[in-house]
């Protein structure tokens, strides 16, 4: 059985591959489906879907490209990510709140550039945009810029000195709640997935409470397979999925060169996400549409 990857990033957020390059690489890797789930961005979806369609029309090997997104949300002072799969990303009910969220990110980036200027760093939001055209600017882009301009010796150095949560230059950005992200994905006709729960380092009771609450809000799935999971992590996620009747999802969280050693489809070498997970996801989608 072929594998799939339902959690990937392109250069439209903080990955290094263009949407076209990611689709081509997924085909090269022999995947049967790949979801583009850029952080708080849908900017790469048209390109990826159009490229896959063009390949099919030419009779060339192609792949199912699943339109998605990954929302960064806040739950009890903890970052929680919600992935949306099969979203109708051109729907006005989805685009309007998404654009408001993106605008709040822009304001945060402008303020963060001003803070870095106080450290005698020659940076503006316009310079970041020029260096990373069409990308949703994240701290990964700041790190690349600082490294290229010689202000730091490594990405780790950039976060330690300038970009980390506890540095004086950092500006926290407005975040939606997990429940709001779930609601927004549902409004777009998509499948909301709780992404990589073990990474939140919550206690068992807190994670169970979050999952139960989000299930009531309409959560449909959970990432049971992920690049950094231990065998115990997988068992824990399968238990939660069964307890709350959640669909299983999984992915590498591929970022290209921005996450060295982490490959598409197989993570750090042991990840396998079976394609039959999509059958259940599509059945649930069809049932919800009726």
Protein backbone atom coordinates (compact mmCIF):
# COMPACT_ATOMS: atom_id res chain seq x y z
CA UNK A 1 0.00 0.00 0.00
CA UNK A 2 1.28 3.45 -0.90
CA UNK A 3 1.80 6.11 1.73
CA UNK A 4 0.48 9.65 1.99
CA UNK A 5 1.56 12.82 3.76
CA UNK A 6 -1.13 15.05 5.24
CA UNK A 7 1.08 17.69 6.86
CA UNK A 8 3.58 19.65 4.72
CA UNK A 9 4.79 23.21 4.24
CA UNK A 10 5.96 25.20 1.23
CA UNK A 11 7.79 28.50 0.81
CA UNK A 12 4.42 30.22 1.14
CA UNK A 13 4.89 29.82 4.90
CA UNK A 14 8.15 28.52 6.37
CA UNK A 15 9.13 25.67 4.04
CA UNK A 16 11.83 25.89 1.38
CA UNK A 17 10.09 24.15 -1.57
CA UNK A 18 7.75 25.98 -3.91
CA UNK A 19 4.30 24.38 -4.19
CA UNK A 20 5.25 23.02 -7.62
CA UNK A 21 8.50 21.58 -6.30
CA UNK A 22 6.73 19.93 -3.38
CA UNK A 23 4.19 18.27 -5.69
CA UNK A 24 6.98 17.01 -7.96
CA UNK A 25 8.92 15.69 -4.97
CA UNK A 26 5.84 13.92 -3.60
CA UNK A 27 5.44 12.19 -6.98
CA UNK A 28 9.14 11.29 -6.98
CA UNK A 29 8.72 9.79 -3.48
CA UNK A 30 5.85 7.62 -4.71
CA UNK A 31 3.18 9.14 -2.47
CA UNK A 32 -0.44 8.73 -3.51
CA UNK A 33 -1.60 11.99 -1.89
CA UNK A 34 -0.09 15.06 -0.25
CA UNK A 35 -1.76 17.85 1.72
CA UNK A 36 -0.38 21.39 1.53
CA UNK A 37 -0.90 22.79 5.03
CA UNK A 38 1.01 26.05 5.21
CA UNK A 39 0.89 28.04 8.44
CA UNK A 40 -2.15 30.33 8.41
CA UNK A 41 -1.84 30.60 4.63
CA UNK A 42 -3.56 29.30 1.50
CA UNK A 43 -1.26 31.13 -0.91
CA UNK A 44 0.34 27.97 -2.30
CA UNK A 45 -2.81 25.98 -2.96
CA UNK A 46 -3.74 27.27 -6.43
CA UNK A 47 -0.22 26.62 -7.71
CA UNK A 48 -0.01 23.10 -6.27
CA UNK A 49 -3.47 22.06 -7.48
CA UNK A 50 -2.94 23.56 -10.93
CA UNK A 51 0.41 21.84 -11.34
CA UNK A 52 -1.01 18.43 -10.39
CA UNK A 53 -3.92 18.96 -12.80
CA UNK A 54 -1.59 19.98 -15.64
CA UNK A 55 0.47 16.84 -15.14
CA UNK A 56 -2.64 14.66 -15.35
CA UNK A 57 -3.84 16.41 -18.49
CA UNK A 58 -0.47 15.73 -20.14
CA UNK A 59 -0.69 12.05 -19.22
CA UNK A 60 2.24 12.38 -16.82
CA UNK A 61 2.47 10.89 -13.31
CA UNK A 62 0.50 13.03 -10.89
CA UNK A 63 -0.83 12.94 -7.36
CA UNK A 64 -3.86 13.94 -5.32
CA UNK A 65 -3.17 17.35 -3.80
CA UNK A 66 -5.33 18.06 -0.75
CA UNK A 67 -5.97 21.75 -0.05
CA UNK A 68 -5.23 22.45 3.58
CA UNK A 69 -3.95 24.86 6.20
CA UNK A 70 -2.38 24.74 9.66
CA UNK A 71 -3.70 27.24 12.18
CA UNK A 72 -1.55 28.37 15.10
CA UNK A 73 -3.84 28.75 18.10
CA UNK A 74 -3.57 29.33 21.83
CA UNK A 75 -5.06 27.14 24.58
CA UNK A 76 -4.40 28.00 28.23
CA UNK A 77 -1.13 29.78 27.30
CA UNK A 78 -0.09 26.75 25.22
CA UNK A 79 0.44 26.77 21.47
CA UNK A 80 -1.88 24.28 19.78
CA UNK A 81 -2.03 23.66 16.04
CA UNK A 82 -5.13 22.70 14.09
CA UNK A 83 -4.76 21.30 10.57
CA UNK A 84 -7.61 21.66 8.10
CA UNK A 85 -7.91 19.21 5.19
CA UNK A 86 -10.07 19.47 2.07
CA UNK A 87 -10.94 23.09 2.77
CA UNK A 88 -12.94 25.18 0.31
CA UNK A 89 -10.27 27.84 0.57
CA UNK A 90 -11.94 30.29 -1.82
CA UNK A 91 -15.12 30.45 0.24
CA UNK A 92 -15.92 33.99 1.53
CA UNK A 93 -16.88 32.64 4.96
CA UNK A 94 -13.36 31.25 5.20
CA UNK A 95 -11.41 34.04 3.48
CA UNK A 96 -12.77 36.98 5.47
CA UNK A 97 -11.68 35.82 8.95
CA UNK A 98 -8.46 34.38 7.51
CA UNK A 99 -7.55 37.75 5.98
CA UNK A 100 -8.22 39.48 9.30
CA UNK A 101 -5.89 37.01 10.98
CA UNK A 102 -3.19 37.60 8.35
CA UNK A 103 -3.49 41.36 8.82
CA UNK A 104 -2.86 40.97 12.55
CA UNK A 105 0.29 39.00 11.68
CA UNK A 106 1.47 41.86 9.43
CA UNK A 107 1.06 44.40 12.23
CA UNK A 108 3.05 42.14 14.54
CA UNK A 109 5.85 41.82 11.99
CA UNK A 110 6.09 45.58 11.54
CA UNK A 111 6.45 46.04 15.31
CA UNK A 112 9.02 43.24 15.56
CA UNK A 113 11.12 44.86 12.82
CA UNK A 114 11.00 48.13 14.76
CA UNK A 115 12.24 46.33 17.86
CA UNK A 116 15.13 44.77 15.94
CA UNK A 117 16.05 48.17 14.52
CA UNK A 118 16.67 49.29 18.10
CA UNK A 119 19.46 46.67 18.17
CA UNK A 120 21.08 48.40 15.16
CA UNK A 121 19.83 45.75 12.75
CA UNK A 122 19.06 47.02 9.26
CA UNK A 123 15.67 45.41 8.80
CA UNK A 124 12.19 46.49 7.75
CA UNK A 125 9.07 44.53 6.94
CA UNK A 126 9.42 45.69 3.34
CA UNK A 127 12.94 44.23 3.15
CA UNK A 128 11.69 40.91 4.51
CA UNK A 129 8.91 40.87 1.92
CA UNK A 130 11.39 41.64 -0.86
CA UNK A 131 13.69 38.84 0.30
CA UNK A 132 10.83 36.34 0.70
CA UNK A 133 8.21 37.37 -1.88
CA UNK A 134 4.70 35.92 -1.49
CA UNK A 135 5.61 34.13 1.76
CA UNK A 136 3.74 34.52 5.02
CA UNK A 137 6.57 35.94 7.11
CA UNK A 138 7.43 33.84 10.18
CA UNK A 139 10.34 33.82 12.60
CA UNK A 140 12.06 31.30 10.33
CA UNK A 141 12.31 34.05 7.72
CA UNK A 142 13.75 36.47 10.27
CA UNK A 143 16.36 33.87 11.18
CA UNK A 144 17.34 33.40 7.53
CA UNK A 145 17.60 37.15 7.02
CA UNK A 146 19.74 37.70 10.11
CA UNK A 147 22.01 34.84 9.11
CA UNK A 148 22.40 36.08 5.53
CA UNK A 149 23.14 39.62 6.69
CA UNK A 150 25.80 38.43 9.12
CA UNK A 151 24.09 39.45 12.34
CA UNK A 152 24.17 35.88 13.70
CA UNK A 153 26.25 32.76 13.13
CA UNK A 154 23.37 30.28 13.05
CA UNK A 155 19.59 30.01 13.19
CA UNK A 156 19.87 28.87 16.80
CA UNK A 157 21.88 32.00 17.53
CA UNK A 158 19.16 34.13 15.92
CA UNK A 159 16.47 32.69 18.17
CA UNK A 160 18.64 32.86 21.28
CA UNK A 161 19.54 36.53 20.77
CA UNK A 162 16.64 38.08 18.90
CA UNK A 163 13.67 35.87 18.04
CA UNK A 164 12.92 33.65 21.03
CA UNK A 165 9.79 34.15 23.10
CA UNK A 166 11.81 35.51 26.02
CA UNK A 167 13.96 38.01 24.12
CA UNK A 168 13.11 41.69 24.43
CA UNK A 169 12.60 41.96 20.66
CA UNK A 170 9.90 39.32 20.38
CA UNK A 171 6.30 40.42 19.79
CA UNK A 172 3.60 37.81 20.41
CA UNK A 173 0.98 37.76 17.72
CA UNK A 174 -2.76 37.51 18.04
CA UNK A 175 -3.90 33.92 17.91
CA UNK A 176 -7.27 32.34 17.46
CA UNK A 177 -8.41 29.66 19.87
CA UNK A 178 -8.44 25.99 18.84
CA UNK A 179 -12.24 26.09 18.90
CA UNK A 180 -12.29 29.06 16.53
CA UNK A 181 -9.93 27.28 14.13
CA UNK A 182 -12.10 24.15 14.20
CA UNK A 183 -15.19 26.26 13.49
CA UNK A 184 -13.51 28.09 10.61
CA UNK A 185 -12.37 24.84 8.98
CA UNK A 186 -15.86 23.38 9.32
CA UNK A 187 -17.34 26.50 7.70
CA UNK A 188 -15.00 25.88 4.78
CA UNK A 189 -16.33 22.33 4.46
CA UNK A 190 -13.06 20.85 5.68
CA UNK A 191 -11.84 18.29 8.17
CA UNK A 192 -10.31 19.79 11.37
CA UNK A 193 -7.42 17.73 12.77
CA UNK A 194 -5.62 18.17 16.09
CA UNK A 195 -1.97 18.32 15.04
CA UNK A 196 0.91 16.52 16.83
CA UNK A 197 -0.53 16.56 20.40
CA UNK A 198 2.57 14.98 22.03
CA UNK A 199 4.56 18.08 21.08
CA UNK A 200 2.50 20.18 23.50
CA UNK A 201 3.88 18.25 26.49
CA UNK A 202 0.54 18.41 28.24
CA UNK A 203 -0.36 16.09 31.03
CA UNK A 204 -2.68 13.24 30.12
CA UNK A 205 -5.66 14.85 31.84
CA UNK A 206 -5.11 18.23 30.16
CA UNK A 207 -4.77 16.69 26.70
CA UNK A 208 -7.84 14.56 27.27
CA UNK A 209 -9.80 17.63 28.35
CA UNK A 210 -8.65 19.57 25.27
CA UNK A 211 -9.60 16.70 22.96
CA UNK A 212 -13.00 16.26 24.59
CA UNK A 213 -13.72 19.99 24.36
CA UNK A 214 -12.68 20.20 20.72
CA UNK A 215 -14.71 17.11 19.86
CA UNK A 216 -17.77 18.97 21.12
CA UNK A 217 -16.76 21.91 18.90
CA UNK A 218 -16.61 19.65 15.85
CA UNK A 219 -13.06 18.27 15.80
CA UNK A 220 -13.00 15.34 13.37
CA UNK A 221 -9.50 13.90 13.56
CA UNK A 222 -6.15 13.64 15.31
CA UNK A 223 -2.59 13.15 14.04
CA UNK A 224 -1.83 9.59 15.09
CA UNK A 225 1.33 9.37 12.96
CA UNK A 226 4.07 12.01 12.98
CA UNK A 227 7.79 12.27 12.33
CA UNK A 228 8.93 12.50 15.95
CA UNK A 229 6.44 10.15 17.62
CA UNK A 230 7.63 7.28 19.76
CA UNK A 231 5.75 3.99 19.68
CA UNK A 232 4.07 5.05 22.92
CA UNK A 233 3.00 8.34 21.35
CA UNK A 234 1.30 6.44 18.55
CA UNK A 235 -0.50 4.17 21.04
CA UNK A 236 -1.64 7.19 23.05
CA UNK A 237 -3.01 8.94 19.95
CA UNK A 238 -4.80 5.81 18.78
CA UNK A 239 -6.37 5.53 22.24
CA UNK A 240 -7.60 9.14 22.10
CA UNK A 241 -8.92 8.64 18.59
CA UNK A 242 -10.91 5.58 19.65
CA UNK A 243 -12.18 7.23 22.84
CA UNK A 244 -13.54 10.28 21.00
CA UNK A 245 -14.38 8.66 17.63
CA UNK A 246 -11.81 10.72 15.76
CA UNK A 247 -10.41 10.09 12.31
CA UNK A 248 -6.74 9.18 12.04
CA UNK A 249 -4.38 11.48 10.20
CA UNK A 250 -0.63 11.85 9.95
CA UNK A 251 2.20 13.58 8.22
CA UNK A 252 5.85 14.46 8.23
CA UNK A 253 5.57 18.23 8.87
CA UNK A 254 7.98 18.56 5.95
CA UNK A 255 9.71 21.95 5.62
CA UNK A 256 12.44 21.09 3.12
CA UNK A 257 15.83 22.56 3.96
CA UNK A 258 14.35 24.41 6.93
CA UNK A 259 14.07 21.11 8.85
CA UNK A 260 17.26 19.25 7.90
CA UNK A 261 17.02 15.48 7.96
CA UNK A 262 13.22 15.40 7.95
CA UNK A 263 12.01 14.00 4.63
CA UNK A 264 8.67 14.06 2.89
CA UNK A 265 6.53 11.02 3.53
CA UNK A 266 8.94 9.22 5.86
CA UNK A 267 9.95 11.91 8.37
CA UNK A 268 13.21 10.85 9.99
CA UNK A 269 13.00 7.45 8.31
CA UNK A 270 10.36 5.54 10.26
CA UNK A 271 7.14 7.39 9.44
CA UNK A 272 4.48 5.59 7.42
CA UNK A 273 1.03 7.05 6.87
CA UNK A 274 -1.15 4.52 5.02
CA UNK A 275 -3.26 5.78 2.15
CA UNK A 276 -6.39 4.00 3.40
CA UNK A 277 -6.73 6.71 6.06
CA UNK A 278 -8.03 8.92 3.25
CA UNK A 279 -10.90 6.51 2.61
CA UNK A 280 -12.26 7.09 6.11
CA UNK A 281 -11.69 10.84 5.86
CA UNK A 282 -13.56 11.03 2.56
CA UNK A 283 -16.42 8.92 3.92
CA UNK A 284 -16.79 11.28 6.89
CA UNK A 285 -16.72 14.29 4.58
CA UNK A 286 -19.40 12.80 2.37
CA UNK A 287 -21.59 12.01 5.37
CA UNK A 288 -21.19 15.55 6.71
CA UNK A 289 -22.21 16.98 3.35
CA UNK A 290 -25.49 15.06 3.28
